[in-house]
C-alpha atoms as a PDB file:
ATOM      1  CA  MET A   1       1.674 -23.903  24.302  1.00  0.00           C
ATOM      2  CA  LYS A   2      -0.395 -20.783  23.602  1.00  0.00           C
ATOM      3  CA  ILE A   3       2.759 -18.741  23.052  1.00  0.00           C
ATOM      4  CA  CYS A   4       4.102 -21.268  20.538  1.00  0.00           C
ATOM      5  CA  LEU A   5       0.783 -21.286  18.705  1.00  0.00           C
ATOM      6  CA  SER A   6       0.742 -17.474  18.587  1.00  0.00           C
ATOM      7  CA  ILE A   7       4.271 -17.401  17.200  1.00  0.00           C
ATOM      8  CA  ILE A   8       3.394 -19.984  14.537  1.00  0.00           C
ATOM      9  CA  ILE A   9       0.302 -18.021  13.487  1.00  0.00           C
ATOM     10  CA  ALA A  10       2.272 -14.760  13.322  1.00  0.00           C
ATOM     11  CA  LEU A  11       4.994 -16.370  11.201  1.00  0.00           C
ATOM     12  CA  ASN A  12       2.393 -17.864   8.856  1.00  0.00           C
ATOM     13  CA  LEU A  13       0.744 -14.462   8.383  1.00  0.00           C
ATOM     14  CA  LEU A  14       4.099 -12.834   7.703  1.00  0.00           C
ATOM     15  CA  THR A  15       4.963 -15.537   5.170  1.00  0.00           C
ATOM     16  CA  LEU A  16       1.591 -15.111   3.458  1.00  0.00           C
ATOM     17  CA  VAL A  17       1.975 -11.342   3.176  1.00  0.00           C
ATOM     18  CA  THR A  18       5.552 -11.656   1.940  1.00  0.00           C
ATOM     19  CA  ALA A  19       4.524 -14.210  -0.680  1.00  0.00           C
ATOM     20  CA  GLN A  20       1.623 -11.998  -1.734  1.00  0.00           C
ATOM     21  CA  ALA A  21       3.907  -9.003  -2.169  1.00  0.00           C
ATOM     22  CA  SER A  22       6.503 -10.991  -4.111  1.00  0.00           C
ATOM     23  CA  GLU A  23       3.936 -11.936  -6.756  1.00  0.00           C
ATOM     24  CA  ARG A  24       3.468  -8.316  -7.754  1.00  0.00           C
ATOM     25  CA  GLY A  25       5.339  -6.841 -10.675  1.00  0.00           C
ATOM     26  CA  MET A  26       5.996  -3.539  -8.922  1.00  0.00           C
ATOM     27  CA  THR A  27       7.821  -5.136  -6.000  1.00  0.00           C
ATOM     28  CA  ASN A  28       9.740  -7.461  -8.301  1.00  0.00           C
ATOM     29  CA  LYS A  29      11.349  -4.396  -9.885  1.00  0.00           C
ATOM     30  CA  SER A  30      12.723  -3.023  -6.603  1.00  0.00           C
ATOM     31  CA  ARG A  31      14.030  -4.741  -3.494  1.00  0.00           C
ATOM     32  CA  ALA A  32      13.427  -1.534  -1.515  1.00  0.00           C
ATOM     33  CA  LEU A  33       9.767  -1.423  -2.609  1.00  0.00           C
ATOM     34  CA  PHE A  34       9.380  -5.087  -1.716  1.00  0.00           C
ATOM     35  CA  GLU A  35      10.803  -4.579   1.785  1.00  0.00           C
ATOM     36  CA  VAL A  36       8.811  -1.448   2.599  1.00  0.00           C
ATOM     37  CA  ILE A  37       5.470  -2.621   1.165  1.00  0.00           C
ATOM     38  CA  SER A  38       5.851  -6.024   2.835  1.00  0.00           C
ATOM     39  CA  ALA A  39       6.537  -4.379   6.207  1.00  0.00           C
ATOM     40  CA  VAL A  40       3.586  -1.997   5.879  1.00  0.00           C
ATOM     41  CA  GLU A  41       1.179  -4.761   4.870  1.00  0.00           C
ATOM     42  CA  ALA A  42       2.485  -7.170   7.534  1.00  0.00           C
ATOM     43  CA  ALA A  43       1.593  -4.597  10.194  1.00  0.00           C
ATOM     44  CA  ARG A  44      -1.968  -4.211   8.934  1.00  0.00           C
ATOM     45  CA  TYR A  45      -3.630  -5.911  11.897  1.00  0.00           C
ATOM     46  CA  ASP A  46      -1.427  -4.100  14.431  1.00  0.00           C
ATOM     47  CA  LEU A  47      -2.341  -0.563  13.406  1.00  0.00           C
ATOM     48  CA  PRO A  48      -5.516   1.490  13.875  1.00  0.00           C
ATOM     49  CA  VAL A  49      -4.810   2.965  10.422  1.00  0.00           C
ATOM     50  CA  SER A  50      -3.275   0.625   7.875  1.00  0.00           C
ATOM     51  CA  TYR A  51      -2.658   0.246   4.170  1.00  0.00           C
ATOM     52  CA  GLU A  52      -2.564  -2.329   1.419  1.00  0.00           C
ATOM     53  CA  VAL A  53      -1.046  -1.775  -2.018  1.00  0.00           C
ATOM     54  CA  ARG A  54      -2.473  -3.519  -5.077  1.00  0.00           C
ATOM     55  CA  GLU A  55      -1.751  -3.335  -8.768  1.00  0.00           C
ATOM     56  CA  SER A  56      -5.020  -4.867  -9.938  1.00  0.00           C
ATOM     57  CA  ALA A  57      -7.757  -3.834  -7.478  1.00  0.00           C
ATOM     58  CA  GLN A  58     -10.861  -2.374  -9.078  1.00  0.00           C
ATOM     59  CA  LEU A  59     -13.279   0.214  -7.784  1.00  0.00           C
ATOM     60  CA  ILE A  60     -16.851  -0.983  -7.864  1.00  0.00           C
ATOM     61  CA  ALA A  61     -18.458   2.458  -7.826  1.00  0.00           C
ATOM     62  CA  PRO A  62     -16.044   5.374  -7.515  1.00  0.00           C
ATOM     63  CA  ASP A  63     -17.342   8.360  -5.585  1.00  0.00           C
ATOM     64  CA  VAL A  64     -14.881  10.822  -7.108  1.00  0.00           C
ATOM     65  CA  CYS A  65     -12.570  10.710 -10.147  1.00  0.00           C
ATOM     66  CA  GLU A  66     -10.187  13.456 -11.199  1.00  0.00           C
ATOM     67  CA  GLU A  67      -7.031  14.004 -13.200  1.00  0.00           C
ATOM     68  CA  VAL A  68      -3.879  14.500 -11.092  1.00  0.00           C
ATOM     69  CA  VAL A  69      -0.149  14.913 -11.656  1.00  0.00           C
ATOM     70  CA  ALA A  70       2.332  12.135 -10.886  1.00  0.00           C
ATOM     71  CA  ASP A  71       3.437  13.868  -7.672  1.00  0.00           C
ATOM     72  CA  VAL A  72       0.017  13.151  -6.146  1.00  0.00           C
ATOM     73  CA  VAL A  73       0.588   9.408  -6.663  1.00  0.00           C
ATOM     74  CA  VAL A  74       3.990   9.637  -4.977  1.00  0.00           C
ATOM     75  CA  ASP A  75       2.466  11.721  -2.163  1.00  0.00           C
ATOM     76  CA  ALA A  76      -0.062   8.935  -1.494  1.00  0.00           C
ATOM     77  CA  PHE A  77       2.792   6.423  -1.261  1.00  0.00           C
ATOM     78  CA  GLU A  78       4.718   8.701   1.107  1.00  0.00           C
ATOM     79  CA  ALA A  79       1.602   9.171   3.289  1.00  0.00           C
ATOM     80  CA  MET A  80       1.349   5.394   3.602  1.00  0.00           C
ATOM     81  CA  ILE A  81       4.982   5.184   4.714  1.00  0.00           C
ATOM     82  CA  GLU A  82       4.578   8.051   7.203  1.00  0.00           C
ATOM     83  CA  ALA A  83       1.526   6.407   8.798  1.00  0.00           C
ATOM     84  CA  TYR A  84       3.556   3.220   9.254  1.00  0.00           C
ATOM     85  CA  GLN A  85       6.576   5.061  10.686  1.00  0.00           C
ATOM     86  CA  VAL A  86       4.473   6.746  13.377  1.00  0.00           C
ATOM     87  CA  VAL A  87       3.789   3.351  14.945  1.00  0.00           C
ATOM     88  CA  PHE A  88       6.848   1.384  13.785  1.00  0.00           C
ATOM     89  CA  PRO A  89       9.819   3.761  13.427  1.00  0.00           C
ATOM     90  CA  ASP A  90      12.167   1.303  11.711  1.00  0.00           C
ATOM     91  CA  ASP A  91      15.339   3.053  10.578  1.00  0.00           C
ATOM     92  CA  GLU A  92      16.612  -0.069   8.828  1.00  0.00           C
ATOM     93  CA  LEU A  93      13.951  -0.139   6.114  1.00  0.00           C
ATOM     94  CA  PRO A  94      15.040   1.528   2.844  1.00  0.00           C
ATOM     95  CA  TYR A  95      12.349   4.228   2.791  1.00  0.00           C
ATOM     96  CA  ALA A  96      14.254   6.734   0.652  1.00  0.00           C
ATOM     97  CA  ALA A  97      15.173   4.088  -1.925  1.00  0.00           C
ATOM     98  CA  ALA A  98      11.576   2.815  -2.017  1.00  0.00           C
ATOM     99  CA  ILE A  99      10.228   6.325  -2.595  1.00  0.00           C
ATOM    100  CA  ALA A 100      12.809   6.947  -5.323  1.00  0.00           C
ATOM    101  CA  ASP A 101      12.003   3.626  -7.027  1.00  0.00           C
ATOM    102  CA  PHE A 102       8.262   4.263  -6.766  1.00  0.00           C
ATOM    103  CA  SER A 103       8.742   7.751  -8.245  1.00  0.00           C
ATOM    104  CA  THR A 104      10.630   6.210 -11.156  1.00  0.00           C
ATOM    105  CA  LEU A 105       7.816   3.719 -11.786  1.00  0.00           C
ATOM    106  CA  VAL A 106       5.197   6.471 -11.616  1.00  0.00           C
ATOM    107  CA  GLY A 107       7.138   8.694 -14.015  1.00  0.00           C
ATOM    108  CA  GLN A 108       5.936  12.154 -15.009  1.00  0.00           C
ATOM    109  CA  SER A 109       2.668  11.347 -16.756  1.00  0.00           C
ATOM    110  CA  PHE A 110      -0.777  12.416 -15.667  1.00  0.00           C
ATOM    111  CA  TYR A 111      -3.052  10.058 -13.760  1.00  0.00           C
ATOM    112  CA  THR A 112      -6.710   9.532 -13.110  1.00  0.00           C
ATOM    113  CA  ARG A 113      -7.386   9.203  -9.388  1.00  0.00           C
ATOM    114  CA  CYS A 114     -10.654   7.533  -8.461  1.00  0.00           C
ATOM    115  CA  GLN A 115     -11.658   7.261  -4.830  1.00  0.00           C
ATOM    116  CA  SER A 116     -14.305   5.287  -3.060  1.00  0.00           C
ATOM    117  CA  PHE A 117     -15.280   5.143   0.606  1.00  0.00           C
ATOM    118  CA  GLU A 118     -16.907   2.182   2.315  1.00  0.00           C
ATOM    119  CA  ASP A 119     -18.179   2.286   5.885  1.00  0.00           C
ATOM    120  CA  GLN A 120     -17.969  -1.232   7.295  1.00  0.00           C
ATOM    121  CA  SER A 121     -19.015  -2.388  10.756  1.00  0.00           C
ATOM    122  CA  PHE A 122     -15.520  -2.313  12.262  1.00  0.00           C
ATOM    123  CA  GLU A 123     -13.577  -0.061   9.881  1.00  0.00           C
ATOM    124  CA  THR A 124     -13.784   2.593   7.215  1.00  0.00           C
ATOM    125  CA  LEU A 125     -12.137   1.687   3.923  1.00  0.00           C
ATOM    126  CA  LYS A 126     -10.869   4.344   1.538  1.00  0.00           C
ATOM    127  CA  VAL A 127      -9.824   3.035  -1.872  1.00  0.00           C
ATOM    128  CA  SER A 128      -7.673   5.247  -4.092  1.00  0.00           C
ATOM    129  CA  VAL A 129      -6.950   3.982  -7.597  1.00  0.00           C
ATOM    130  CA  PHE A 130      -4.339   5.777  -9.697  1.00  0.00           C
ATOM    131  CA  THR A 131      -4.190   4.933 -13.414  1.00  0.00           C
ATOM    132  CA  SER A 132      -1.862   6.673 -15.852  1.00  0.00           C
ATOM    133  CA  LEU A 133      -3.715   8.224 -18.769  1.00  0.00           C
ATOM    134  CA  ASP A 134      -1.895   5.876 -21.164  1.00  0.00           C
ATOM    135  CA  HIS A 135      -2.750   2.914 -18.858  1.00  0.00           C
ATOM    136  CA  SER A 136       0.929   1.948 -18.544  1.00  0.00           C
ATOM    137  CA  PHE A 137       0.911   2.045 -14.721  1.00  0.00           C
ATOM    138  CA  LYS A 138      -1.796   1.461 -12.151  1.00  0.00           C
ATOM    139  CA  VAL A 139      -1.658   1.288  -8.366  1.00  0.00           C
ATOM    140  CA  THR A 140      -4.354   1.069  -5.715  1.00  0.00           C
ATOM    141  CA  PHE A 141      -4.030   2.072  -2.077  1.00  0.00           C
ATOM    142  CA  LEU A 142      -6.519   0.586   0.373  1.00  0.00           C
ATOM    143  CA  HIS A 143      -6.570   2.706   3.535  1.00  0.00           C
ATOM    144  CA  HIS A 144      -8.169   0.930   6.502  1.00  0.00           C
ATOM    145  CA  SER A 145      -9.228   2.982   9.556  1.00  0.00           C
ATOM    146  CA  LEU A 146     -10.537   1.074  12.558  1.00  0.00           C
ATOM    147  CA  LYS A 147     -13.560   2.561  14.303  1.00  0.00           C
END
């Protein structure tokens, strides 16, 4: 009975995360991005270091803001994937295609990167918001580190 309940809860969480990811414009533009971001976010509660990707998250009070090149945005995405692969080395996910599609979305423009750090009771949350200078693309990475 407990095993069945655990399986049902796990499937519900996976469905919720998948539905959440499918509502985003970025993942609607690329199947590879959808698969990789969904997998990374579905593993959030299984990893000591985990990520979430948002297109609309806002910083309340950024600690640091600076102008960066597009490669820094792509590097943040690749760091998220690498952290996931350390724990879940899944060769079937389309990592290379997701990185290529993300790079295409990011383009070659300059970005403002604002970061904020929040020390919570059970985790440390690092929020990195990247906004293109022309405001045509925005992505936020929420980096959770369990204490």
